[in-house]
Amino acid sequence: MTTFAAPPTPEAGPEAAAAWVNEAGADTLAGRMGM
């Protein structure tokens, strides 16, 4: 089971939120591919 970092606070801005989502998605995809 992969543990993700907590999402950024709203004050961090949409860029930070988008980067967090992209990172989490990439980690999940890599996990599924066994990378």
PDB file of N, CA and C in Angstrom:
ATOM      1  N   MET A   1       0.853  -1.196   0.000  1.00  0.00           N
ATOM      2  CA  MET A   1       0.000   0.000   0.000  1.00  0.00           C
ATOM      3  C   MET A   1       0.882   1.236   0.000  1.00  0.00           C
ATOM      4  N   THR A   2       0.567   2.138  -0.905  1.00  0.00           N
ATOM      5  CA  THR A   2       1.360   3.364  -1.023  1.00  0.00           C
ATOM      6  C   THR A   2       0.717   4.468  -0.199  1.00  0.00           C
ATOM      7  N   THR A   3       1.536   5.194   0.535  1.00  0.00           N
ATOM      8  CA  THR A   3       1.027   6.311   1.326  1.00  0.00           C
ATOM      9  C   THR A   3       1.373   7.602   0.613  1.00  0.00           C
ATOM     10  N   PHE A   4       0.379   8.403   0.334  1.00  0.00           N
ATOM     11  CA  PHE A   4       0.609   9.666  -0.357  1.00  0.00           C
ATOM     12  C   PHE A   4       0.738  10.792   0.654  1.00  0.00           C
ATOM     13  N   ALA A   5       1.456  11.810   0.276  1.00  0.00           N
ATOM     14  CA  ALA A   5       1.574  12.983   1.136  1.00  0.00           C
ATOM     15  C   ALA A   5       0.207  13.673   1.182  1.00  0.00           C
ATOM     16  N   ALA A   6      -0.022  14.435   2.227  1.00  0.00           N
ATOM     17  CA  ALA A   6      -1.300  15.131   2.341  1.00  0.00           C
ATOM     18  C   ALA A   6      -1.410  16.160   1.219  1.00  0.00           C
ATOM     19  N   PRO A   7      -2.615  16.383   0.707  1.00  0.00           N
ATOM     20  CA  PRO A   7      -2.787  17.378  -0.347  1.00  0.00           C
ATOM     21  C   PRO A   7      -2.453  18.768   0.172  1.00  0.00           C
ATOM     22  N   PRO A   8      -2.015  19.653  -0.719  1.00  0.00           N
ATOM     23  CA  PRO A   8      -1.682  21.018  -0.288  1.00  0.00           C
ATOM     24  C   PRO A   8      -2.937  21.749   0.179  1.00  0.00           C
ATOM     25  N   THR A   9      -2.732  22.719   1.031  1.00  0.00           N
ATOM     26  CA  THR A   9      -3.868  23.495   1.521  1.00  0.00           C
ATOM     27  C   THR A   9      -4.354  24.402   0.399  1.00  0.00           C
ATOM     28  N   PRO A  10      -5.593  24.850   0.440  1.00  0.00           N
ATOM     29  CA  PRO A  10      -6.110  25.748  -0.596  1.00  0.00           C
ATOM     30  C   PRO A  10      -5.243  26.997  -0.761  1.00  0.00           C
ATOM     31  N   GLU A  11      -4.609  27.427   0.328  1.00  0.00           N
ATOM     32  CA  GLU A  11      -3.760  28.616   0.255  1.00  0.00           C
ATOM     33  C   GLU A  11      -2.544  28.391  -0.632  1.00  0.00           C
ATOM     34  N   ALA A  12      -2.193  27.122  -0.864  1.00  0.00           N
ATOM     35  CA  ALA A  12      -1.014  26.823  -1.680  1.00  0.00           C
ATOM     36  C   ALA A  12      -1.265  27.170  -3.136  1.00  0.00           C
ATOM     37  N   GLY A  13      -2.525  27.227  -3.527  1.00  0.00           N
ATOM     38  CA  GLY A  13      -2.829  27.618  -4.896  1.00  0.00           C
ATOM     39  C   GLY A  13      -3.150  26.428  -5.784  1.00  0.00           C
ATOM     40  N   PRO A  14      -3.820  26.675  -6.893  1.00  0.00           N
ATOM     41  CA  PRO A  14      -4.222  25.610  -7.816  1.00  0.00           C
ATOM     42  C   PRO A  14      -3.043  24.870  -8.431  1.00  0.00           C
ATOM     43  N   GLU A  15      -1.917  25.566  -8.631  1.00  0.00           N
ATOM     44  CA  GLU A  15      -0.759  24.895  -9.226  1.00  0.00           C
ATOM     45  C   GLU A  15      -0.284  23.774  -8.303  1.00  0.00           C
ATOM     46  N   ALA A  16      -0.213  24.061  -7.005  1.00  0.00           N
ATOM     47  CA  ALA A  16       0.249  23.053  -6.052  1.00  0.00           C
ATOM     48  C   ALA A  16      -0.730  21.881  -6.006  1.00  0.00           C
ATOM     49  N   ALA A  17      -2.018  22.186  -6.033  1.00  0.00           N
ATOM     50  CA  ALA A  17      -3.019  21.126  -5.991  1.00  0.00           C
ATOM     51  C   ALA A  17      -2.910  20.247  -7.240  1.00  0.00           C
ATOM     52  N   ALA A  18      -2.749  20.866  -8.396  1.00  0.00           N
ATOM     53  CA  ALA A  18      -2.641  20.115  -9.641  1.00  0.00           C
ATOM     54  C   ALA A  18      -1.390  19.250  -9.632  1.00  0.00           C
ATOM     55  N   ALA A  19      -0.282  19.793  -9.134  1.00  0.00           N
ATOM     56  CA  ALA A  19       0.969  19.034  -9.089  1.00  0.00           C
ATOM     57  C   ALA A  19       0.808  17.830  -8.163  1.00  0.00           C
ATOM     58  N   TRP A  20       0.100  18.018  -7.037  1.00  0.00           N
ATOM     59  CA  TRP A  20      -0.099  16.911  -6.094  1.00  0.00           C
ATOM     60  C   TRP A  20      -0.921  15.814  -6.747  1.00  0.00           C
ATOM     61  N   VAL A  21      -1.980  16.197  -7.450  1.00  0.00           N
ATOM     62  CA  VAL A  21      -2.830  15.208  -8.116  1.00  0.00           C
ATOM     63  C   VAL A  21      -2.034  14.472  -9.181  1.00  0.00           C
ATOM     64  N   ASN A  22      -1.245  15.205  -9.972  1.00  0.00           N
ATOM     65  CA  ASN A  22      -0.448  14.571 -11.020  1.00  0.00           C
ATOM     66  C   ASN A  22       0.556  13.602 -10.427  1.00  0.00           C
ATOM     67  N   GLU A  23       1.185  13.994  -9.312  1.00  0.00           N
ATOM     68  CA  GLU A  23       2.180  13.126  -8.669  1.00  0.00           C
ATOM     69  C   GLU A  23       1.512  11.865  -8.140  1.00  0.00           C
ATOM     70  N   ALA A  24       0.366  12.031  -7.506  1.00  0.00           N
ATOM     71  CA  ALA A  24      -0.346  10.871  -6.963  1.00  0.00           C
ATOM     72  C   ALA A  24      -0.761   9.937  -8.087  1.00  0.00           C
ATOM     73  N   GLY A  25      -1.233  10.492  -9.192  1.00  0.00           N
ATOM     74  CA  GLY A  25      -1.645   9.676 -10.322  1.00  0.00           C
ATOM     75  C   GLY A  25      -0.462   8.934 -10.920  1.00  0.00           C
ATOM     76  N   ALA A  26       0.676   9.610 -11.026  1.00  0.00           N
ATOM     77  CA  ALA A  26       1.864   8.967 -11.588  1.00  0.00           C
ATOM     78  C   ALA A  26       2.326   7.834 -10.680  1.00  0.00           C
ATOM     79  N   ASP A  27       2.290   8.073  -9.368  1.00  0.00           N
ATOM     80  CA  ASP A  27       2.705   7.032  -8.416  1.00  0.00           C
ATOM     81  C   ASP A  27       1.788   5.811  -8.538  1.00  0.00           C
ATOM     82  N   THR A  28       0.498   6.058  -8.684  1.00  0.00           N
ATOM     83  CA  THR A  28      -0.450   4.950  -8.787  1.00  0.00           C
ATOM     84  C   THR A  28      -0.209   4.183 -10.080  1.00  0.00           C
ATOM     85  N   LEU A  29      -0.009   4.899 -11.170  1.00  0.00           N
ATOM     86  CA  LEU A  29       0.222   4.252 -12.459  1.00  0.00           C
ATOM     87  C   LEU A  29       1.500   3.427 -12.415  1.00  0.00           C
ATOM     88  N   ALA A  30       2.550   4.007 -11.854  1.00  0.00           N
ATOM     89  CA  ALA A  30       3.820   3.278 -11.751  1.00  0.00           C
ATOM     90  C   ALA A  30       3.642   2.027 -10.906  1.00  0.00           C
ATOM     91  N   GLY A  31       2.859   2.134  -9.838  1.00  0.00           N
ATOM     92  CA  GLY A  31       2.629   0.980  -8.974  1.00  0.00           C
ATOM     93  C   GLY A  31       1.914  -0.128  -9.729  1.00  0.00           C
ATOM     94  N   ARG A  32       0.952   0.238 -10.541  1.00  0.00           N
ATOM     95  CA  ARG A  32       0.204  -0.762 -11.301  1.00  0.00           C
ATOM     96  C   ARG A  32       1.100  -1.434 -12.337  1.00  0.00           C
ATOM     97  N   MET A  33       2.058  -0.684 -12.853  1.00  0.00           N
ATOM     98  CA  MET A  33       2.953  -1.222 -13.870  1.00  0.00           C
ATOM     99  C   MET A  33       4.125  -1.975 -13.242  1.00  0.00           C
ATOM    100  N   GLY A  34       4.215  -1.911 -11.905  1.00  0.00           N
ATOM    101  CA  GLY A  34       5.298  -2.605 -11.214  1.00  0.00           C
ATOM    102  C   GLY A  34       6.630  -1.906 -11.370  1.00  0.00           C
ATOM    103  N   MET A  35       6.590  -0.605 -11.570  1.00  0.00           N
ATOM    104  CA  MET A  35       7.834   0.145 -11.741  1.00  0.00           C
ATOM    105  C   MET A  35       8.310   0.682 -10.394  1.00  0.00           C
TER     106      MET A  35
END
